[in-house]
Amino acid sequence: MGKNIYVGGLPYSVTEDQLRELFSPYGVVDAVRVITDRATGQSRGFGFVEMRTEAEAQQAIKALNGSQLQGRRLVVNEARPQEKRPGDNRGGRRRY
């Protein structure tokens, strides 16, 4: 299983292909996901990259954290597990 990396501060115009290209020099990129707004489809300015190994992930984090992409400063670190939100187990919207 690969190592998941959080990438924040992304330009809203960045594509998954551009993000993959940015991380590729540091190792094998298994997956890339730019998070988008459900309603508008526009990027929310962050995403996730999955690298093949821990060593490759650490090398990418060290090299890219604080770097610039299209004039924006990137925040690159180890992704934390997604926190459970209240109401996640309901399967839908709260109705009164």
PDB file of N, CA and C in Angstrom:
ATOM      1  N   MET A   1       0.848  -1.188   0.000  1.00  0.00           N
ATOM      2  CA  MET A   1       0.000   0.000   0.000  1.00  0.00           C
ATOM      3  C   MET A   1       0.886   1.240   0.000  1.00  0.00           C
ATOM      4  N   GLY A   2       0.482   2.244  -0.767  1.00  0.00           N
ATOM      5  CA  GLY A   2       1.257   3.468  -0.897  1.00  0.00           C
ATOM      6  C   GLY A   2       1.076   4.406   0.274  1.00  0.00           C
ATOM      7  N   LYS A   3       1.786   5.507   0.202  1.00  0.00           N
ATOM      8  CA  LYS A   3       1.743   6.522   1.243  1.00  0.00           C
ATOM      9  C   LYS A   3       0.965   7.721   0.731  1.00  0.00           C
ATOM     10  N   ASN A   4      -0.059   8.142   1.467  1.00  0.00           N
ATOM     11  CA  ASN A   4      -0.931   9.226   1.046  1.00  0.00           C
ATOM     12  C   ASN A   4      -0.389  10.574   1.528  1.00  0.00           C
ATOM     13  N   ILE A   5      -0.350  11.546   0.621  1.00  0.00           N
ATOM     14  CA  ILE A   5       0.187  12.873   0.899  1.00  0.00           C
ATOM     15  C   ILE A   5      -0.903  13.919   0.669  1.00  0.00           C
ATOM     16  N   TYR A   6      -1.035  14.852   1.610  1.00  0.00           N
ATOM     17  CA  TYR A   6      -1.940  15.984   1.477  1.00  0.00           C
ATOM     18  C   TYR A   6      -1.192  17.115   0.779  1.00  0.00           C
ATOM     19  N   VAL A   7      -1.858  17.770  -0.181  1.00  0.00           N
ATOM     20  CA  VAL A   7      -1.272  18.914  -0.873  1.00  0.00           C
ATOM     21  C   VAL A   7      -2.273  20.065  -0.798  1.00  0.00           C
ATOM     22  N   GLY A   8      -1.927  21.108  -0.053  1.00  0.00           N
ATOM     23  CA  GLY A   8      -2.794  22.267   0.100  1.00  0.00           C
ATOM     24  C   GLY A   8      -2.192  23.482  -0.591  1.00  0.00           C
ATOM     25  N   GLY A   9      -3.018  24.505  -0.762  1.00  0.00           N
ATOM     26  CA  GLY A   9      -2.566  25.739  -1.401  1.00  0.00           C
ATOM     27  C   GLY A   9      -2.496  25.627  -2.911  1.00  0.00           C
ATOM     28  N   LEU A  10      -3.193  24.640  -3.468  1.00  0.00           N
ATOM     29  CA  LEU A  10      -3.153  24.457  -4.920  1.00  0.00           C
ATOM     30  C   LEU A  10      -3.874  25.585  -5.646  1.00  0.00           C
ATOM     31  N   PRO A  11      -3.346  26.010  -6.778  1.00  0.00           N
ATOM     32  CA  PRO A  11      -4.093  26.946  -7.617  1.00  0.00           C
ATOM     33  C   PRO A  11      -5.404  26.265  -8.038  1.00  0.00           C
ATOM     34  N   TYR A  12      -6.462  27.019  -8.136  1.00  0.00           N
ATOM     35  CA  TYR A  12      -7.762  26.437  -8.477  1.00  0.00           C
ATOM     36  C   TYR A  12      -7.793  25.860  -9.887  1.00  0.00           C
ATOM     37  N   SER A  13      -6.845  26.266 -10.713  1.00  0.00           N
ATOM     38  CA  SER A  13      -6.813  25.789 -12.099  1.00  0.00           C
ATOM     39  C   SER A  13      -5.992  24.510 -12.280  1.00  0.00           C
ATOM     40  N   VAL A  14      -5.309  24.038 -11.234  1.00  0.00           N
ATOM     41  CA  VAL A  14      -4.425  22.879 -11.387  1.00  0.00           C
ATOM     42  C   VAL A  14      -5.238  21.612 -11.692  1.00  0.00           C
ATOM     43  N   THR A  15      -4.679  20.780 -12.567  1.00  0.00           N
ATOM     44  CA  THR A  15      -5.333  19.520 -12.935  1.00  0.00           C
ATOM     45  C   THR A  15      -4.638  18.352 -12.247  1.00  0.00           C
ATOM     46  N   GLU A  16      -5.287  17.208 -12.242  1.00  0.00           N
ATOM     47  CA  GLU A  16      -4.679  16.014 -11.674  1.00  0.00           C
ATOM     48  C   GLU A  16      -3.421  15.633 -12.441  1.00  0.00           C
ATOM     49  N   ASP A  17      -3.421  15.818 -13.754  1.00  0.00           N
ATOM     50  CA  ASP A  17      -2.232  15.523 -14.560  1.00  0.00           C
ATOM     51  C   ASP A  17      -1.062  16.421 -14.163  1.00  0.00           C
ATOM     52  N   GLN A  18      -1.314  17.705 -13.923  1.00  0.00           N
ATOM     53  CA  GLN A  18      -0.259  18.627 -13.510  1.00  0.00           C
ATOM     54  C   GLN A  18       0.293  18.248 -12.134  1.00  0.00           C
ATOM     55  N   LEU A  19      -0.591  17.831 -11.246  1.00  0.00           N
ATOM     56  CA  LEU A  19      -0.165  17.426  -9.913  1.00  0.00           C
ATOM     57  C   LEU A  19       0.676  16.145  -9.984  1.00  0.00           C
ATOM     58  N   ARG A  20       0.276  15.207 -10.817  1.00  0.00           N
ATOM     59  CA  ARG A  20       1.050  13.978 -11.021  1.00  0.00           C
ATOM     60  C   ARG A  20       2.439  14.313 -11.554  1.00  0.00           C
ATOM     61  N   GLU A  21       2.495  15.228 -12.509  1.00  0.00           N
ATOM     62  CA  GLU A  21       3.774  15.647 -13.103  1.00  0.00           C
ATOM     63  C   GLU A  21       4.686  16.299 -12.057  1.00  0.00           C
ATOM     64  N   LEU A  22       4.108  17.070 -11.148  1.00  0.00           N
ATOM     65  CA  LEU A  22       4.869  17.730 -10.102  1.00  0.00           C
ATOM     66  C   LEU A  22       5.532  16.718  -9.159  1.00  0.00           C
ATOM     67  N   PHE A  23       4.839  15.632  -8.850  1.00  0.00           N
ATOM     68  CA  PHE A  23       5.334  14.645  -7.894  1.00  0.00           C
ATOM     69  C   PHE A  23       6.162  13.537  -8.543  1.00  0.00           C
ATOM     70  N   SER A  24       6.042  13.330  -9.824  1.00  0.00           N
ATOM     71  CA  SER A  24       6.723  12.229 -10.520  1.00  0.00           C
ATOM     72  C   SER A  24       8.245  12.197 -10.365  1.00  0.00           C
ATOM     73  N   PRO A  25       8.943  13.326 -10.321  1.00  0.00           N
ATOM     74  CA  PRO A  25      10.404  13.254 -10.160  1.00  0.00           C
ATOM     75  C   PRO A  25      10.859  12.600  -8.846  1.00  0.00           C
ATOM     76  N   TYR A  26       9.955  12.461  -7.891  1.00  0.00           N
ATOM     77  CA  TYR A  26      10.324  11.938  -6.582  1.00  0.00           C
ATOM     78  C   TYR A  26       9.986  10.464  -6.399  1.00  0.00           C
ATOM     79  N   GLY A  27       9.359   9.846  -7.410  1.00  0.00           N
ATOM     80  CA  GLY A  27       9.035   8.424  -7.331  1.00  0.00           C
ATOM     81  C   GLY A  27       7.769   8.097  -8.099  1.00  0.00           C
ATOM     82  N   VAL A  28       7.319   6.871  -7.910  1.00  0.00           N
ATOM     83  CA  VAL A  28       6.126   6.390  -8.610  1.00  0.00           C
ATOM     84  C   VAL A  28       4.878   6.968  -7.943  1.00  0.00           C
ATOM     85  N   VAL A  29       4.038   7.617  -8.743  1.00  0.00           N
ATOM     86  CA  VAL A  29       2.784   8.182  -8.260  1.00  0.00           C
ATOM     87  C   VAL A  29       1.675   7.193  -8.619  1.00  0.00           C
ATOM     88  N   ASP A  30       1.059   6.594  -7.594  1.00  0.00           N
ATOM     89  CA  ASP A  30       0.008   5.605  -7.825  1.00  0.00           C
ATOM     90  C   ASP A  30      -1.361   6.236  -8.065  1.00  0.00           C
ATOM     91  N   ALA A  31      -1.641   7.351  -7.404  1.00  0.00           N
ATOM     92  CA  ALA A  31      -2.954   7.974  -7.544  1.00  0.00           C
ATOM     93  C   ALA A  31      -2.861   9.462  -7.233  1.00  0.00           C
ATOM     94  N   VAL A  32      -3.727  10.242  -7.882  1.00  0.00           N
ATOM     95  CA  VAL A  32      -3.808  11.687  -7.662  1.00  0.00           C
ATOM     96  C   VAL A  32      -5.279  12.069  -7.635  1.00  0.00           C
ATOM     97  N   ARG A  33      -5.628  12.934  -6.682  1.00  0.00           N
ATOM     98  CA  ARG A  33      -7.008  13.405  -6.640  1.00  0.00           C
ATOM     99  C   ARG A  33      -7.041  14.861  -6.207  1.00  0.00           C
ATOM    100  N   VAL A  34      -7.569  15.733  -7.064  1.00  0.00           N
ATOM    101  CA  VAL A  34      -7.807  17.132  -6.717  1.00  0.00           C
ATOM    102  C   VAL A  34      -9.253  17.184  -6.214  1.00  0.00           C
ATOM    103  N   ILE A  35      -9.450  17.712  -5.023  1.00  0.00           N
ATOM    104  CA  ILE A  35     -10.775  17.753  -4.419  1.00  0.00           C
ATOM    105  C   ILE A  35     -11.562  18.928  -5.009  1.00  0.00           C
ATOM    106  N   THR A  36     -12.773  18.622  -5.442  1.00  0.00           N
ATOM    107  CA  THR A  36     -13.625  19.639  -6.065  1.00  0.00           C
ATOM    108  C   THR A  36     -14.916  19.833  -5.276  1.00  0.00           C
ATOM    109  N   ASP A  37     -15.498  20.998  -5.438  1.00  0.00           N
ATOM    110  CA  ASP A  37     -16.786  21.311  -4.837  1.00  0.00           C
ATOM    111  C   ASP A  37     -17.865  20.505  -5.549  1.00  0.00           C
ATOM    112  N   ARG A  38     -18.733  19.857  -4.798  1.00  0.00           N
ATOM    113  CA  ARG A  38     -19.780  19.023  -5.408  1.00  0.00           C
ATOM    114  C   ARG A  38     -20.751  19.830  -6.267  1.00  0.00           C
ATOM    115  N   ALA A  39     -21.076  21.023  -5.812  1.00  0.00           N
ATOM    116  CA  ALA A  39     -22.076  21.823  -6.514  1.00  0.00           C
ATOM    117  C   ALA A  39     -21.530  22.477  -7.781  1.00  0.00           C
ATOM    118  N   THR A  40     -20.308  23.014  -7.707  1.00  0.00           N
ATOM    119  CA  THR A  40     -19.782  23.778  -8.838  1.00  0.00           C
ATOM    120  C   THR A  40     -18.761  23.010  -9.672  1.00  0.00           C
ATOM    121  N   GLY A  41     -18.158  21.979  -9.084  1.00  0.00           N
ATOM    122  CA  GLY A  41     -17.121  21.241  -9.793  1.00  0.00           C
ATOM    123  C   GLY A  41     -15.768  21.930  -9.774  1.00  0.00           C
ATOM    124  N   GLN A  42     -15.673  23.102  -9.160  1.00  0.00           N
ATOM    125  CA  GLN A  42     -14.411  23.845  -9.080  1.00  0.00           C
ATOM    126  C   GLN A  42     -13.527  23.260  -7.995  1.00  0.00           C
ATOM    127  N   SER A  43     -12.224  23.310  -8.225  1.00  0.00           N
ATOM    128  CA  SER A  43     -11.248  22.844  -7.252  1.00  0.00           C
ATOM    129  C   SER A  43     -11.430  23.587  -5.940  1.00  0.00           C
ATOM    130  N   ARG A  44     -11.187  22.882  -4.829  1.00  0.00           N
ATOM    131  CA  ARG A  44     -11.253  23.500  -3.509  1.00  0.00           C
ATOM    132  C   ARG A  44      -9.867  23.919  -3.029  1.00  0.00           C
ATOM    133  N   GLY A  45      -8.848  23.749  -3.888  1.00  0.00           N
ATOM    134  CA  GLY A  45      -7.514  24.227  -3.552  1.00  0.00           C
ATOM    135  C   GLY A  45      -6.650  23.228  -2.798  1.00  0.00           C
ATOM    136  N   PHE A  46      -7.095  21.974  -2.749  1.00  0.00           N
ATOM    137  CA  PHE A  46      -6.259  20.953  -2.131  1.00  0.00           C
ATOM    138  C   PHE A  46      -6.517  19.609  -2.786  1.00  0.00           C
ATOM    139  N   GLY A  47      -5.616  18.677  -2.515  1.00  0.00           N
ATOM    140  CA  GLY A  47      -5.758  17.357  -3.100  1.00  0.00           C
ATOM    141  C   GLY A  47      -4.879  16.353  -2.379  1.00  0.00           C
ATOM    142  N   PHE A  48      -4.829  15.153  -2.947  1.00  0.00           N
ATOM    143  CA  PHE A  48      -4.063  14.066  -2.357  1.00  0.00           C
ATOM    144  C   PHE A  48      -3.275  13.350  -3.441  1.00  0.00           C
ATOM    145  N   VAL A  49      -2.067  12.933  -3.077  1.00  0.00           N
ATOM    146  CA  VAL A  49      -1.203  12.180  -3.973  1.00  0.00           C
ATOM    147  C   VAL A  49      -0.774  10.925  -3.227  1.00  0.00           C
ATOM    148  N   GLU A  50      -0.873   9.779  -3.886  1.00  0.00           N
ATOM    149  CA  GLU A  50      -0.413   8.540  -3.274  1.00  0.00           C
ATOM    150  C   GLU A  50       0.864   8.098  -3.969  1.00  0.00           C
ATOM    151  N   MET A  51       1.929   8.015  -3.173  1.00  0.00           N
ATOM    152  CA  MET A  51       3.237   7.586  -3.682  1.00  0.00           C
ATOM    153  C   MET A  51       3.418   6.104  -3.371  1.00  0.00           C
ATOM    154  N   ARG A  52       4.241   5.430  -4.165  1.00  0.00           N
ATOM    155  CA  ARG A  52       4.433   3.987  -4.025  1.00  0.00           C
ATOM    156  C   ARG A  52       5.050   3.583  -2.688  1.00  0.00           C
ATOM    157  N   THR A  53       6.076   4.331  -2.226  1.00  0.00           N
ATOM    158  CA  THR A  53       6.759   3.941  -0.985  1.00  0.00           C
ATOM    159  C   THR A  53       6.844   5.102  -0.010  1.00  0.00           C
ATOM    160  N   GLU A  54       7.099   4.766   1.233  1.00  0.00           N
ATOM    161  CA  GLU A  54       7.295   5.769   2.289  1.00  0.00           C
ATOM    162  C   GLU A  54       8.478   6.673   1.967  1.00  0.00           C
ATOM    163  N   ALA A  55       9.576   6.087   1.487  1.00  0.00           N
ATOM    164  CA  ALA A  55      10.782   6.863   1.181  1.00  0.00           C
ATOM    165  C   ALA A  55      10.510   7.883   0.074  1.00  0.00           C
ATOM    166  N   GLU A  56       9.788   7.463  -0.967  1.00  0.00           N
ATOM    167  CA  GLU A  56       9.452   8.388  -2.060  1.00  0.00           C
ATOM    168  C   GLU A  56       8.548   9.501  -1.552  1.00  0.00           C
ATOM    169  N   ALA A  57       7.590   9.144  -0.709  1.00  0.00           N
ATOM    170  CA  ALA A  57       6.670  10.147  -0.162  1.00  0.00           C
ATOM    171  C   ALA A  57       7.426  11.173   0.673  1.00  0.00           C
ATOM    172  N   GLN A  58       8.327  10.711   1.519  1.00  0.00           N
ATOM    173  CA  GLN A  58       9.088  11.635   2.365  1.00  0.00           C
ATOM    174  C   GLN A  58       9.980  12.547   1.530  1.00  0.00           C
ATOM    175  N   GLN A  59      10.557  12.008   0.478  1.00  0.00           N
ATOM    176  CA  GLN A  59      11.398  12.816  -0.414  1.00  0.00           C
ATOM    177  C   GLN A  59      10.557  13.911  -1.084  1.00  0.00           C
ATOM    178  N   ALA A  60       9.354  13.564  -1.542  1.00  0.00           N
ATOM    179  CA  ALA A  60       8.463  14.539  -2.187  1.00  0.00           C
ATOM    180  C   ALA A  60       8.011  15.607  -1.196  1.00  0.00           C
ATOM    181  N   ILE A  61       7.663  15.186   0.015  1.00  0.00           N
ATOM    182  CA  ILE A  61       7.228  16.139   1.043  1.00  0.00           C
ATOM    183  C   ILE A  61       8.348  17.131   1.343  1.00  0.00           C
ATOM    184  N   LYS A  62       9.545  16.610   1.546  1.00  0.00           N
ATOM    185  CA  LYS A  62      10.691  17.466   1.872  1.00  0.00           C
ATOM    186  C   LYS A  62      10.983  18.463   0.747  1.00  0.00           C
ATOM    187  N   ALA A  63      10.896  18.003  -0.496  1.00  0.00           N
ATOM    188  CA  ALA A  63      11.230  18.852  -1.642  1.00  0.00           C
ATOM    189  C   ALA A  63      10.134  19.871  -1.968  1.00  0.00           C
ATOM    190  N   LEU A  64       8.874  19.499  -1.779  1.00  0.00           N
ATOM    191  CA  LEU A  64       7.782  20.340  -2.284  1.00  0.00           C
ATOM    192  C   LEU A  64       7.089  21.198  -1.228  1.00  0.00           C
ATOM    193  N   ASN A  65       7.189  20.854   0.041  1.00  0.00           N
ATOM    194  CA  ASN A  65       6.530  21.661   1.065  1.00  0.00           C
ATOM    195  C   ASN A  65       7.141  23.062   1.077  1.00  0.00           C
ATOM    196  N   GLY A  66       6.293  24.072   0.929  1.00  0.00           N
ATOM    197  CA  GLY A  66       6.747  25.460   0.907  1.00  0.00           C
ATOM    198  C   GLY A  66       7.144  25.955  -0.475  1.00  0.00           C
ATOM    199  N   SER A  67       7.144  25.079  -1.465  1.00  0.00           N
ATOM    200  CA  SER A  67       7.496  25.504  -2.822  1.00  0.00           C
ATOM    201  C   SER A  67       6.326  26.260  -3.460  1.00  0.00           C
ATOM    202  N   GLN A  68       6.593  26.863  -4.595  1.00  0.00           N
ATOM    203  CA  GLN A  68       5.588  27.662  -5.303  1.00  0.00           C
ATOM    204  C   GLN A  68       5.063  26.915  -6.525  1.00  0.00           C
ATOM    205  N   LEU A  69       3.770  27.013  -6.747  1.00  0.00           N
ATOM    206  CA  LEU A  69       3.150  26.487  -7.964  1.00  0.00           C
ATOM    207  C   LEU A  69       2.185  27.549  -8.471  1.00  0.00           C
ATOM    208  N   GLN A  70       2.481  28.086  -9.635  1.00  0.00           N
ATOM    209  CA  GLN A  70       1.659  29.131 -10.245  1.00  0.00           C
ATOM    210  C   GLN A  70       1.399  30.277  -9.254  1.00  0.00           C
ATOM    211  N   GLY A  71       2.452  30.662  -8.525  1.00  0.00           N
ATOM    212  CA  GLY A  71       2.360  31.798  -7.621  1.00  0.00           C
ATOM    213  C   GLY A  71       1.762  31.510  -6.259  1.00  0.00           C
ATOM    214  N   ARG A  72       1.427  30.243  -5.982  1.00  0.00           N
ATOM    215  CA  ARG A  72       0.850  29.889  -4.683  1.00  0.00           C
ATOM    216  C   ARG A  72       1.811  28.991  -3.908  1.00  0.00           C
ATOM    217  N   ARG A  73       1.905  29.216  -2.626  1.00  0.00           N
ATOM    218  CA  ARG A  73       2.799  28.433  -1.758  1.00  0.00           C
ATOM    219  C   ARG A  73       2.095  27.139  -1.371  1.00  0.00           C
ATOM    220  N   LEU A  74       2.739  26.016  -1.646  1.00  0.00           N
ATOM    221  CA  LEU A  74       2.163  24.715  -1.357  1.00  0.00           C
ATOM    222  C   LEU A  74       2.438  24.277   0.081  1.00  0.00           C
ATOM    223  N   VAL A  75       1.459  23.603   0.655  1.00  0.00           N
ATOM    224  CA  VAL A  75       1.602  22.922   1.936  1.00  0.00           C
ATOM    225  C   VAL A  75       1.525  21.434   1.612  1.00  0.00           C
ATOM    226  N   VAL A  76       2.624  20.724   1.841  1.00  0.00           N
ATOM    227  CA  VAL A  76       2.702  19.307   1.494  1.00  0.00           C
ATOM    228  C   VAL A  76       3.117  18.541   2.739  1.00  0.00           C
ATOM    229  N   ASN A  77       2.256  17.621   3.184  1.00  0.00           N
ATOM    230  CA  ASN A  77       2.595  16.808   4.342  1.00  0.00           C
ATOM    231  C   ASN A  77       1.863  15.471   4.297  1.00  0.00           C
ATOM    232  N   GLU A  78       2.157  14.631   5.262  1.00  0.00           N
ATOM    233  CA  GLU A  78       1.520  13.333   5.345  1.00  0.00           C
ATOM    234  C   GLU A  78       0.030  13.534   5.582  1.00  0.00           C
ATOM    235  N   ALA A  79      -0.787  12.826   4.821  1.00  0.00           N
ATOM    236  CA  ALA A  79      -2.238  12.946   4.990  1.00  0.00           C
ATOM    237  C   ALA A  79      -2.666  12.235   6.260  1.00  0.00           C
ATOM    238  N   ARG A  80      -3.578  12.845   6.981  1.00  0.00           N
ATOM    239  CA  ARG A  80      -4.158  12.212   8.168  1.00  0.00           C
ATOM    240  C   ARG A  80      -5.407  11.453   7.742  1.00  0.00           C
ATOM    241  N   PRO A  81      -5.796  10.431   8.506  1.00  0.00           N
ATOM    242  CA  PRO A  81      -7.043   9.729   8.180  1.00  0.00           C
ATOM    243  C   PRO A  81      -8.220  10.694   8.239  1.00  0.00           C
ATOM    244  N   GLN A  82      -9.179  10.480   7.367  1.00  0.00           N
ATOM    245  CA  GLN A  82     -10.358  11.347   7.329  1.00  0.00           C
ATOM    246  C   GLN A  82     -11.134  11.225   8.633  1.00  0.00           C
ATOM    247  N   GLU A  83     -11.495  12.373   9.203  1.00  0.00           N
ATOM    248  CA  GLU A  83     -12.249  12.373  10.444  1.00  0.00           C
ATOM    249  C   GLU A  83     -13.707  12.078  10.167  1.00  0.00           C
ATOM    250  N   LYS A  84     -14.322  11.327  11.047  1.00  0.00           N
ATOM    251  CA  LYS A  84     -15.744  11.028  10.915  1.00  0.00           C
ATOM    252  C   LYS A  84     -16.543  12.272  11.290  1.00  0.00           C
ATOM    253  N   ARG A  85     -17.451  12.627  10.439  1.00  0.00           N
ATOM    254  CA  ARG A  85     -18.281  13.806  10.689  1.00  0.00           C
ATOM    255  C   ARG A  85     -19.592  13.387  11.333  1.00  0.00           C
ATOM    256  N   PRO A  86     -20.185  14.265  12.121  1.00  0.00           N
ATOM    257  CA  PRO A  86     -21.488  13.945  12.705  1.00  0.00           C
ATOM    258  C   PRO A  86     -22.497  13.685  11.587  1.00  0.00           C
ATOM    259  N   GLY A  87     -23.268  12.649  11.744  1.00  0.00           N
ATOM    260  CA  GLY A  87     -24.304  12.349  10.760  1.00  0.00           C
ATOM    261  C   GLY A  87     -23.839  11.502   9.601  1.00  0.00           C
ATOM    262  N   ASP A  88     -22.552  11.092   9.564  1.00  0.00           N
ATOM    263  CA  ASP A  88     -22.051  10.287   8.455  1.00  0.00           C
ATOM    264  C   ASP A  88     -22.764   8.955   8.321  1.00  0.00           C
ATOM    265  N   ASN A  89     -23.250   8.417   9.424  1.00  0.00           N
ATOM    266  CA  ASN A  89     -23.867   7.099   9.353  1.00  0.00           C
ATOM    267  C   ASN A  89     -25.351   7.147   9.003  1.00  0.00           C
ATOM    268  N   ARG A  90     -25.894   8.310   8.748  1.00  0.00           N
ATOM    269  CA  ARG A  90     -27.307   8.439   8.417  1.00  0.00           C
ATOM    270  C   ARG A  90     -27.613   8.115   6.964  1.00  0.00           C
ATOM    271  N   GLY A  91     -26.640   8.310   6.100  1.00  0.00           N
ATOM    272  CA  GLY A  91     -26.860   7.999   4.699  1.00  0.00           C
ATOM    273  C   GLY A  91     -27.569   9.090   3.920  1.00  0.00           C
ATOM    274  N   GLY A  92     -27.774  10.231   4.503  1.00  0.00           N
ATOM    275  CA  GLY A  92     -28.447  11.298   3.770  1.00  0.00           C
ATOM    276  C   GLY A  92     -28.521  12.562   4.594  1.00  0.00           C
ATOM    277  N   ARG A  93     -29.305  13.491   4.103  1.00  0.00           N
ATOM    278  CA  ARG A  93     -29.441  14.757   4.817  1.00  0.00           C
ATOM    279  C   ARG A  93     -30.379  14.592   6.012  1.00  0.00           C
ATOM    280  N   ARG A  94     -30.138  15.435   6.982  1.00  0.00           N
ATOM    281  CA  ARG A  94     -31.011  15.447   8.158  1.00  0.00           C
ATOM    282  C   ARG A  94     -32.335  16.087   7.757  1.00  0.00           C
ATOM    283  N   ARG A  95     -33.408  15.449   8.126  1.00  0.00           N
ATOM    284  CA  ARG A  95     -34.743  15.983   7.776  1.00  0.00           C
ATOM    285  C   ARG A  95     -35.568  16.157   9.036  1.00  0.00           C
ATOM    286  N   TYR A  96     -36.265  17.273   9.090  1.00  0.00           N
ATOM    287  CA  TYR A  96     -37.091  17.557  10.270  1.00  0.00           C
ATOM    288  C   TYR A  96     -38.534  17.604   9.894  1.00  0.00           C
TER     289      TYR A  96
END
